[in-house]
């Protein structure tokens, strides 16, 4: 493994935890708004930033996951393995 592995892993975990919070908050906000019968514009003003942040966190998760695979020198994941493991390629 390279020196890039641990910092990338930390970033991956932090983004996963923060991203999961925003993804879970979307249905909570939507349910609360429906229960209170709020205006659609008002709901959208709350949901729009949450959805945008969720999309960004998923993109960062993808990038950090790819970096983790390269930092681990492809010992797991899409690129197969150096020890003759099966490749998860399509």
PDB file of N, CA and C in Angstrom:
ATOM      1  N   UNK A   1       0.835  -1.191   0.000  1.00  0.00           N
ATOM      2  CA  UNK A   1       0.000   0.000   0.000  1.00  0.00           C
ATOM      3  C   UNK A   1       0.874   1.247   0.000  1.00  0.00           C
ATOM      4  N   UNK A   2       0.360   2.265  -0.602  1.00  0.00           N
ATOM      5  CA  UNK A   2       1.134   3.504  -0.678  1.00  0.00           C
ATOM      6  C   UNK A   2       0.781   4.428   0.486  1.00  0.00           C
ATOM      7  N   UNK A   3       1.514   5.543   0.551  1.00  0.00           N
ATOM      8  CA  UNK A   3       1.255   6.527   1.602  1.00  0.00           C
ATOM      9  C   UNK A   3      -0.065   7.238   1.398  1.00  0.00           C
ATOM     10  N   UNK A   4      -0.623   7.114   0.229  1.00  0.00           N
ATOM     11  CA  UNK A   4      -1.891   7.761  -0.104  1.00  0.00           C
ATOM     12  C   UNK A   4      -3.090   7.035   0.512  1.00  0.00           C
ATOM     13  N   UNK A   5      -2.904   5.784   0.920  1.00  0.00           N
ATOM     14  CA  UNK A   5      -4.021   4.957   1.345  1.00  0.00           C
ATOM     15  C   UNK A   5      -4.734   5.493   2.587  1.00  0.00           C
ATOM     16  N   UNK A   6      -3.997   5.757   3.670  1.00  0.00           N
ATOM     17  CA  UNK A   6      -4.636   6.157   4.936  1.00  0.00           C
ATOM     18  C   UNK A   6      -5.357   7.506   4.827  1.00  0.00           C
ATOM     19  N   UNK A   7      -4.735   8.556   4.262  1.00  0.00           N
ATOM     20  CA  UNK A   7      -5.498   9.814   4.133  1.00  0.00           C
ATOM     21  C   UNK A   7      -6.737   9.675   3.248  1.00  0.00           C
ATOM     22  N   UNK A   8      -6.621   8.870   2.193  1.00  0.00           N
ATOM     23  CA  UNK A   8      -7.776   8.659   1.317  1.00  0.00           C
ATOM     24  C   UNK A   8      -8.860   7.880   2.044  1.00  0.00           C
ATOM     25  N   UNK A   9      -8.471   6.897   2.831  1.00  0.00           N
ATOM     26  CA  UNK A   9      -9.438   6.125   3.604  1.00  0.00           C
ATOM     27  C   UNK A   9     -10.166   7.010   4.617  1.00  0.00           C
ATOM     28  N   UNK A  10      -9.428   7.895   5.276  1.00  0.00           N
ATOM     29  CA  UNK A  10     -10.042   8.815   6.243  1.00  0.00           C
ATOM     30  C   UNK A  10     -11.044   9.729   5.544  1.00  0.00           C
ATOM     31  N   UNK A  11     -10.655  10.290   4.399  1.00  0.00           N
ATOM     32  CA  UNK A  11     -11.559  11.147   3.637  1.00  0.00           C
ATOM     33  C   UNK A  11     -12.786  10.368   3.181  1.00  0.00           C
ATOM     34  N   UNK A  12     -12.591   9.140   2.739  1.00  0.00           N
ATOM     35  CA  UNK A  12     -13.688   8.283   2.283  1.00  0.00           C
ATOM     36  C   UNK A  12     -14.696   8.038   3.416  1.00  0.00           C
ATOM     37  N   UNK A  13     -14.193   7.745   4.606  1.00  0.00           N
ATOM     38  CA  UNK A  13     -15.076   7.479   5.753  1.00  0.00           C
ATOM     39  C   UNK A  13     -15.804   8.739   6.192  1.00  0.00           C
ATOM     40  N   UNK A  14     -15.102   9.867   6.243  1.00  0.00           N
ATOM     41  CA  UNK A  14     -15.743  11.127   6.652  1.00  0.00           C
ATOM     42  C   UNK A  14     -16.843  11.514   5.674  1.00  0.00           C
ATOM     43  N   UNK A  15     -16.558  11.396   4.388  1.00  0.00           N
ATOM     44  CA  UNK A  15     -17.563  11.735   3.376  1.00  0.00           C
ATOM     45  C   UNK A  15     -18.732  10.757   3.445  1.00  0.00           C
ATOM     46  N   UNK A  16     -18.452   9.491   3.717  1.00  0.00           N
ATOM     47  CA  UNK A  16     -19.530   8.505   3.827  1.00  0.00           C
ATOM     48  C   UNK A  16     -20.464   8.838   4.987  1.00  0.00           C
ATOM     49  N   UNK A  17     -19.901   9.186   6.117  1.00  0.00           N
ATOM     50  CA  UNK A  17     -20.727   9.512   7.289  1.00  0.00           C
ATOM     51  C   UNK A  17     -21.513  10.793   7.058  1.00  0.00           C
ATOM     52  N   UNK A  18     -20.852  11.815   6.541  1.00  0.00           N
ATOM     53  CA  UNK A  18     -21.542  13.081   6.298  1.00  0.00           C
ATOM     54  C   UNK A  18     -22.576  12.934   5.183  1.00  0.00           C
ATOM     55  N   UNK A  19     -22.237  12.205   4.141  1.00  0.00           N
ATOM     56  CA  UNK A  19     -23.159  11.993   3.029  1.00  0.00           C
ATOM     57  C   UNK A  19     -24.376  11.183   3.440  1.00  0.00           C
ATOM     58  N   UNK A  20     -24.159  10.194   4.292  1.00  0.00           N
ATOM     59  CA  UNK A  20     -25.284   9.396   4.764  1.00  0.00           C
ATOM     60  C   UNK A  20     -26.258  10.252   5.564  1.00  0.00           C
ATOM     61  N   UNK A  21     -25.722  11.202   6.314  1.00  0.00           N
ATOM     62  CA  UNK A  21     -26.581  12.111   7.074  1.00  0.00           C
ATOM     63  C   UNK A  21     -27.469  12.956   6.176  1.00  0.00           C
ATOM     64  N   UNK A  22     -26.904  13.435   5.072  1.00  0.00           N
ATOM     65  CA  UNK A  22     -27.719  14.252   4.167  1.00  0.00           C
ATOM     66  C   UNK A  22     -28.721  13.400   3.401  1.00  0.00           C
ATOM     67  N   UNK A  23     -28.327  12.192   3.048  1.00  0.00           N
ATOM     68  CA  UNK A  23     -29.250  11.309   2.325  1.00  0.00           C
ATOM     69  C   UNK A  23     -30.419  10.917   3.213  1.00  0.00           C
ATOM     70  N   UNK A  24     -30.147  10.654   4.481  1.00  0.00           N
ATOM     71  CA  UNK A  24     -31.217  10.278   5.412  1.00  0.00           C
ATOM     72  C   UNK A  24     -32.095  11.482   5.755  1.00  0.00           C
ATOM     73  N   UNK A  25     -31.528  12.675   5.735  1.00  0.00           N
ATOM     74  CA  UNK A  25     -32.316  13.857   6.096  1.00  0.00           C
ATOM     75  C   UNK A  25     -33.354  14.230   5.038  1.00  0.00           C
ATOM     76  N   UNK A  26     -33.148  13.813   3.795  1.00  0.00           N
ATOM     77  CA  UNK A  26     -34.101  14.153   2.731  1.00  0.00           C
ATOM     78  C   UNK A  26     -35.495  13.588   3.023  1.00  0.00           C
ATOM     79  N   UNK A  27     -35.660  12.283   3.299  1.00  0.00           N
ATOM     80  CA  UNK A  27     -37.007  11.803   3.595  1.00  0.00           C
ATOM     81  C   UNK A  27     -37.567  12.338   4.914  1.00  0.00           C
ATOM     82  N   UNK A  28     -36.691  12.660   5.855  1.00  0.00           N
ATOM     83  CA  UNK A  28     -37.168  13.221   7.129  1.00  0.00           C
ATOM     84  C   UNK A  28     -37.767  14.607   6.898  1.00  0.00           C
ATOM     85  N   UNK A  29     -37.073  15.434   6.130  1.00  0.00           N
ATOM     86  CA  UNK A  29     -37.583  16.778   5.828  1.00  0.00           C
ATOM     87  C   UNK A  29     -38.864  16.678   5.001  1.00  0.00           C
ATOM     88  N   UNK A  30     -38.878  15.771   4.023  1.00  0.00           N
ATOM     89  CA  UNK A  30     -40.070  15.620   3.175  1.00  0.00           C
ATOM     90  C   UNK A  30     -41.271  15.148   3.991  1.00  0.00           C
ATOM     91  N   UNK A  31     -41.064  14.208   4.897  1.00  0.00           N
ATOM     92  CA  UNK A  31     -42.170  13.708   5.728  1.00  0.00           C
ATOM     93  C   UNK A  31     -42.682  14.790   6.670  1.00  0.00           C
ATOM     94  N   UNK A  32     -41.761  15.541   7.255  1.00  0.00           N
ATOM     95  CA  UNK A  32     -42.182  16.621   8.158  1.00  0.00           C
ATOM     96  C   UNK A  32     -42.942  17.700   7.406  1.00  0.00           C
ATOM     97  N   UNK A  33     -42.513  18.004   6.203  1.00  0.00           N
ATOM     98  CA  UNK A  33     -43.200  19.020   5.401  1.00  0.00           C
ATOM     99  C   UNK A  33     -44.587  18.537   4.990  1.00  0.00           C
ATOM    100  N   UNK A  34     -44.687  17.258   4.648  1.00  0.00           N
ATOM    101  CA  UNK A  34     -45.987  16.714   4.258  1.00  0.00           C
ATOM    102  C   UNK A  34     -46.946  16.714   5.451  1.00  0.00           C
ATOM    103  N   UNK A  35     -46.410  16.377   6.622  1.00  0.00           N
ATOM    104  CA  UNK A  35     -47.239  16.342   7.823  1.00  0.00           C
ATOM    105  C   UNK A  35     -47.768  17.734   8.163  1.00  0.00           C
ATOM    106  N   UNK A  36     -46.942  18.755   7.957  1.00  0.00           N
ATOM    107  CA  UNK A  36     -47.343  20.130   8.272  1.00  0.00           C
ATOM    108  C   UNK A  36     -48.031  20.828   7.105  1.00  0.00           C
ATOM    109  N   UNK A  37     -48.162  20.136   5.977  1.00  0.00           N
ATOM    110  CA  UNK A  37     -48.814  20.661   4.771  1.00  0.00           C
ATOM    111  C   UNK A  37     -48.215  22.002   4.344  1.00  0.00           C
ATOM    112  N   UNK A  38     -46.885  21.992   4.214  1.00  0.00           N
ATOM    113  CA  UNK A  38     -46.202  23.221   3.828  1.00  0.00           C
ATOM    114  C   UNK A  38     -46.241  23.410   2.319  1.00  0.00           C
ATOM    115  N   UNK A  39     -45.968  24.627   1.901  1.00  0.00           N
ATOM    116  CA  UNK A  39     -45.947  25.006   0.499  1.00  0.00           C
ATOM    117  C   UNK A  39     -44.808  24.282  -0.228  1.00  0.00           C
ATOM    118  N   UNK A  40     -45.021  23.942  -1.493  1.00  0.00           N
ATOM    119  CA  UNK A  40     -44.023  23.220  -2.274  1.00  0.00           C
ATOM    120  C   UNK A  40     -42.738  24.025  -2.444  1.00  0.00           C
ATOM    121  N   UNK A  41     -42.854  25.329  -2.640  1.00  0.00           N
ATOM    122  CA  UNK A  41     -41.667  26.171  -2.783  1.00  0.00           C
ATOM    123  C   UNK A  41     -40.830  26.154  -1.510  1.00  0.00           C
ATOM    124  N   UNK A  42     -41.495  26.184  -0.394  1.00  0.00           N
ATOM    125  CA  UNK A  42     -40.795  26.169   0.892  1.00  0.00           C
ATOM    126  C   UNK A  42     -40.084  24.832   1.100  1.00  0.00           C
ATOM    127  N   UNK A  43     -40.717  23.741   0.706  1.00  0.00           N
ATOM    128  CA  UNK A  43     -40.100  22.421   0.825  1.00  0.00           C
ATOM    129  C   UNK A  43     -38.878  22.332  -0.092  1.00  0.00           C
ATOM    130  N   UNK A  44     -39.033  22.837  -1.320  1.00  0.00           N
ATOM    131  CA  UNK A  44     -37.936  22.780  -2.279  1.00  0.00           C
ATOM    132  C   UNK A  44     -36.728  23.573  -1.794  1.00  0.00           C
ATOM    133  N   UNK A  45     -36.976  24.668  -1.091  1.00  0.00           N
ATOM    134  CA  UNK A  45     -35.856  25.467  -0.583  1.00  0.00           C
ATOM    135  C   UNK A  45     -35.048  24.701   0.455  1.00  0.00           C
ATOM    136  N   UNK A  46     -35.667  23.745   1.137  1.00  0.00           N
ATOM    137  CA  UNK A  46     -34.946  22.895   2.093  1.00  0.00           C
ATOM    138  C   UNK A  46     -34.320  21.687   1.396  1.00  0.00           C
ATOM    139  N   UNK A  47     -35.041  21.096   0.473  1.00  0.00           N
ATOM    140  CA  UNK A  47     -34.575  19.854  -0.141  1.00  0.00           C
ATOM    141  C   UNK A  47     -33.479  20.076  -1.179  1.00  0.00           C
ATOM    142  N   UNK A  48     -33.500  21.186  -1.873  1.00  0.00           N
ATOM    143  CA  UNK A  48     -32.534  21.425  -2.935  1.00  0.00           C
ATOM    144  C   UNK A  48     -31.080  21.360  -2.453  1.00  0.00           C
ATOM    145  N   UNK A  49     -30.714  22.066  -1.388  1.00  0.00           N
ATOM    146  CA  UNK A  49     -29.326  21.956  -0.921  1.00  0.00           C
ATOM    147  C   UNK A  49     -28.981  20.559  -0.400  1.00  0.00           C
ATOM    148  N   UNK A  50     -29.954  19.900   0.231  1.00  0.00           N
ATOM    149  CA  UNK A  50     -29.695  18.550   0.735  1.00  0.00           C
ATOM    150  C   UNK A  50     -29.438  17.573  -0.403  1.00  0.00           C
ATOM    151  N   UNK A  51     -30.237  17.674  -1.456  1.00  0.00           N
ATOM    152  CA  UNK A  51     -30.043  16.794  -2.603  1.00  0.00           C
ATOM    153  C   UNK A  51     -28.728  17.094  -3.310  1.00  0.00           C
ATOM    154  N   UNK A  52     -28.376  18.356  -3.424  1.00  0.00           N
ATOM    155  CA  UNK A  52     -27.114  18.734  -4.060  1.00  0.00           C
ATOM    156  C   UNK A  52     -25.929  18.203  -3.256  1.00  0.00           C
ATOM    157  N   UNK A  53     -25.985  18.357  -1.937  1.00  0.00           N
ATOM    158  CA  UNK A  53     -24.914  17.862  -1.081  1.00  0.00           C
ATOM    159  C   UNK A  53     -24.823  16.339  -1.121  1.00  0.00           C
ATOM    160  N   UNK A  54     -25.963  15.678  -1.212  1.00  0.00           N
ATOM    161  CA  UNK A  54     -25.969  14.213  -1.332  1.00  0.00           C
ATOM    162  C   UNK A  54     -25.307  13.776  -2.626  1.00  0.00           C
ATOM    163  N   UNK A  55     -25.605  14.458  -3.713  1.00  0.00           N
ATOM    164  CA  UNK A  55     -24.994  14.116  -5.005  1.00  0.00           C
ATOM    165  C   UNK A  55     -23.488  14.345  -4.977  1.00  0.00           C
ATOM    166  N   UNK A  56     -23.063  15.447  -4.375  1.00  0.00           N
ATOM    167  CA  UNK A  56     -21.627  15.727  -4.283  1.00  0.00           C
ATOM    168  C   UNK A  56     -20.936  14.676  -3.420  1.00  0.00           C
ATOM    169  N   UNK A  57     -21.553  14.302  -2.318  1.00  0.00           N
ATOM    170  CA  UNK A  57     -20.925  13.310  -1.446  1.00  0.00           C
ATOM    171  C   UNK A  57     -20.819  11.950  -2.130  1.00  0.00           C
ATOM    172  N   UNK A  58     -21.822  11.580  -2.922  1.00  0.00           N
ATOM    173  CA  UNK A  58     -21.731  10.319  -3.663  1.00  0.00           C
ATOM    174  C   UNK A  58     -20.630  10.373  -4.716  1.00  0.00           C
ATOM    175  N   UNK A  59     -20.460  11.517  -5.361  1.00  0.00           N
ATOM    176  CA  UNK A  59     -19.382  11.665  -6.346  1.00  0.00           C
ATOM    177  C   UNK A  59     -18.013  11.586  -5.675  1.00  0.00           C
ATOM    178  N   UNK A  60     -17.877  12.232  -4.517  1.00  0.00           N
ATOM    179  CA  UNK A  60     -16.610  12.180  -3.788  1.00  0.00           C
ATOM    180  C   UNK A  60     -16.337  10.763  -3.300  1.00  0.00           C
ATOM    181  N   UNK A  61     -17.388  10.043  -2.900  1.00  0.00           N
ATOM    182  CA  UNK A  61     -17.222   8.641  -2.498  1.00  0.00           C
ATOM    183  C   UNK A  61     -16.698   7.809  -3.659  1.00  0.00           C
ATOM    184  N   UNK A  62     -17.202   8.046  -4.849  1.00  0.00           N
ATOM    185  CA  UNK A  62     -16.730   7.311  -6.018  1.00  0.00           C
ATOM    186  C   UNK A  62     -15.256   7.605  -6.280  1.00  0.00           C
ATOM    187  N   UNK A  63     -14.898   8.882  -6.238  1.00  0.00           N
ATOM    188  CA  UNK A  63     -13.501   9.271  -6.508  1.00  0.00           C
ATOM    189  C   UNK A  63     -12.566   8.708  -5.439  1.00  0.00           C
ATOM    190  N   UNK A  64     -12.935   8.835  -4.178  1.00  0.00           N
ATOM    191  CA  UNK A  64     -12.066   8.315  -3.121  1.00  0.00           C
ATOM    192  C   UNK A  64     -12.014   6.797  -3.153  1.00  0.00           C
ATOM    193  N   UNK A  65     -13.093   6.140  -3.558  1.00  0.00           N
ATOM    194  CA  UNK A  65     -13.065   4.687  -3.703  1.00  0.00           C
ATOM    195  C   UNK A  65     -12.107   4.247  -4.793  1.00  0.00           C
ATOM    196  N   UNK A  66     -12.096   4.968  -5.898  1.00  0.00           N
ATOM    197  CA  UNK A  66     -11.153   4.667  -6.983  1.00  0.00           C
ATOM    198  C   UNK A  66      -9.721   4.925  -6.509  1.00  0.00           C
ATOM    199  N   UNK A  67      -9.516   6.039  -5.799  1.00  0.00           N
ATOM    200  CA  UNK A  67      -8.178   6.326  -5.270  1.00  0.00           C
ATOM    201  C   UNK A  67      -7.730   5.260  -4.271  1.00  0.00           C
ATOM    202  N   UNK A  68      -8.659   4.752  -3.464  1.00  0.00           N
ATOM    203  CA  UNK A  68      -8.316   3.680  -2.534  1.00  0.00           C
ATOM    204  C   UNK A  68      -7.871   2.432  -3.278  1.00  0.00           C
ATOM    205  N   UNK A  69      -8.536   2.134  -4.364  1.00  0.00           N
ATOM    206  CA  UNK A  69      -8.167   0.963  -5.150  1.00  0.00           C
ATOM    207  C   UNK A  69      -6.756   1.122  -5.719  1.00  0.00           C
ATOM    208  N   UNK A  70      -6.442   2.314  -6.229  1.00  0.00           N
ATOM    209  CA  UNK A  70      -5.097   2.549  -6.745  1.00  0.00           C
ATOM    210  C   UNK A  70      -4.061   2.583  -5.632  1.00  0.00           C
ATOM    211  N   UNK A  71      -4.418   3.173  -4.482  1.00  0.00           N
ATOM    212  CA  UNK A  71      -3.478   3.252  -3.365  1.00  0.00           C
ATOM    213  C   UNK A  71      -3.174   1.870  -2.790  1.00  0.00           C
ATOM    214  N   UNK A  72      -4.145   0.970  -2.851  1.00  0.00           N
ATOM    215  CA  UNK A  72      -3.933  -0.400  -2.376  1.00  0.00           C
ATOM    216  C   UNK A  72      -3.263  -1.251  -3.448  1.00  0.00           C
ATOM    217  N   UNK A  73      -2.872  -0.628  -4.526  1.00  0.00           N
ATOM    218  CA  UNK A  73      -2.221  -1.288  -5.650  1.00  0.00           C
ATOM    219  C   UNK A  73      -3.092  -2.400  -6.203  1.00  0.00           C
ATOM    220  N   UNK A  74      -4.389  -2.094  -6.288  1.00  0.00           N
ATOM    221  CA  UNK A  74      -5.399  -2.966  -6.910  1.00  0.00           C
ATOM    222  C   UNK A  74      -5.467  -4.332  -6.254  1.00  0.00           C
ATOM    223  N   UNK A  75      -5.333  -4.394  -4.935  1.00  0.00           N
ATOM    224  CA  UNK A  75      -5.477  -5.671  -4.238  1.00  0.00           C
ATOM    225  C   UNK A  75      -6.933  -6.077  -4.070  1.00  0.00           C
ATOM    226  N   UNK A  76      -7.824  -5.161  -4.330  1.00  0.00           N
ATOM    227  CA  UNK A  76      -9.249  -5.482  -4.279  1.00  0.00           C
ATOM    228  C   UNK A  76      -9.986  -4.591  -5.256  1.00  0.00           C
ATOM    229  N   UNK A  77     -11.188  -4.984  -5.621  1.00  0.00           N
ATOM    230  CA  UNK A  77     -12.019  -4.116  -6.431  1.00  0.00           C
ATOM    231  C   UNK A  77     -11.978  -4.401  -7.911  1.00  0.00           C
ATOM    232  N   UNK A  78     -12.196  -3.369  -8.679  1.00  0.00           N
ATOM    233  CA  UNK A  78     -12.408  -3.473 -10.117  1.00  0.00           C
ATOM    234  C   UNK A  78     -11.177  -3.984 -10.854  1.00  0.00           C
ATOM    235  N   UNK A  79     -10.009  -3.598 -10.410  1.00  0.00           N
ATOM    236  CA  UNK A  79      -8.809  -3.928 -11.153  1.00  0.00           C
ATOM    237  C   UNK A  79      -8.312  -5.349 -10.907  1.00  0.00           C
ATOM    238  N   UNK A  80      -9.043  -6.117 -10.134  1.00  0.00           N
ATOM    239  CA  UNK A  80      -8.627  -7.490  -9.884  1.00  0.00           C
ATOM    240  C   UNK A  80      -7.638  -7.531  -8.739  1.00  0.00           C
ATOM    241  N   UNK A  81      -6.744  -8.473  -8.766  1.00  0.00           N
ATOM    242  CA  UNK A  81      -5.776  -8.581  -7.692  1.00  0.00           C
ATOM    243  C   UNK A  81      -4.443  -9.061  -8.208  1.00  0.00           C
ATOM    244  N   UNK A  82      -3.425  -8.762  -7.444  1.00  0.00           N
ATOM    245  CA  UNK A  82      -2.093  -9.163  -7.858  1.00  0.00           C
ATOM    246  C   UNK A  82      -1.808 -10.613  -7.490  1.00  0.00           C
ATOM    247  N   UNK A  83      -2.686 -11.238  -6.718  1.00  0.00           N
ATOM    248  CA  UNK A  83      -2.471 -12.602  -6.275  1.00  0.00           C
ATOM    249  C   UNK A  83      -3.373 -13.594  -7.000  1.00  0.00           C
ATOM    250  N   UNK A  84      -3.803 -13.235  -8.191  1.00  0.00           N
ATOM    251  CA  UNK A  84      -4.606 -14.163  -8.966  1.00  0.00           C
ATOM    252  C   UNK A  84      -6.061 -14.235  -8.552  1.00  0.00           C
ATOM    253  N   UNK A  85      -6.539 -13.228  -7.832  1.00  0.00           N
ATOM    254  CA  UNK A  85      -7.939 -13.210  -7.448  1.00  0.00           C
ATOM    255  C   UNK A  85      -8.807 -12.958  -8.659  1.00  0.00           C
ATOM    256  N   UNK A  86     -10.073 -13.265  -8.532  1.00  0.00           N
ATOM    257  CA  UNK A  86     -11.007 -13.017  -9.625  1.00  0.00           C
ATOM    258  C   UNK A  86     -11.236 -11.527  -9.803  1.00  0.00           C
ATOM    259  N   UNK A  87     -11.400 -11.121 -11.022  1.00  0.00           N
ATOM    260  CA  UNK A  87     -11.653  -9.733 -11.345  1.00  0.00           C
ATOM    261  C   UNK A  87     -13.158  -9.466 -11.271  1.00  0.00           C
ATOM    262  N   UNK A  88     -13.536  -8.331 -10.691  1.00  0.00           N
ATOM    263  CA  UNK A  88     -14.936  -7.961 -10.577  1.00  0.00           C
ATOM    264  C   UNK A  88     -15.385  -7.122 -11.757  1.00  0.00           C
ATOM    265  N   UNK A  89     -14.638  -7.180 -12.852  1.00  0.00           N
ATOM    266  CA  UNK A  89     -14.979  -6.395 -14.040  1.00  0.00           C
ATOM    267  C   UNK A  89     -16.239  -6.929 -14.682  1.00  0.00           C
ATOM    268  N   UNK A  90     -16.896  -6.049 -15.453  1.00  0.00           N
ATOM    269  CA  UNK A  90     -18.112  -6.461 -16.157  1.00  0.00           C
ATOM    270  C   UNK A  90     -17.805  -7.235 -17.397  1.00  0.00           C
TER     271      UNK A  90
END
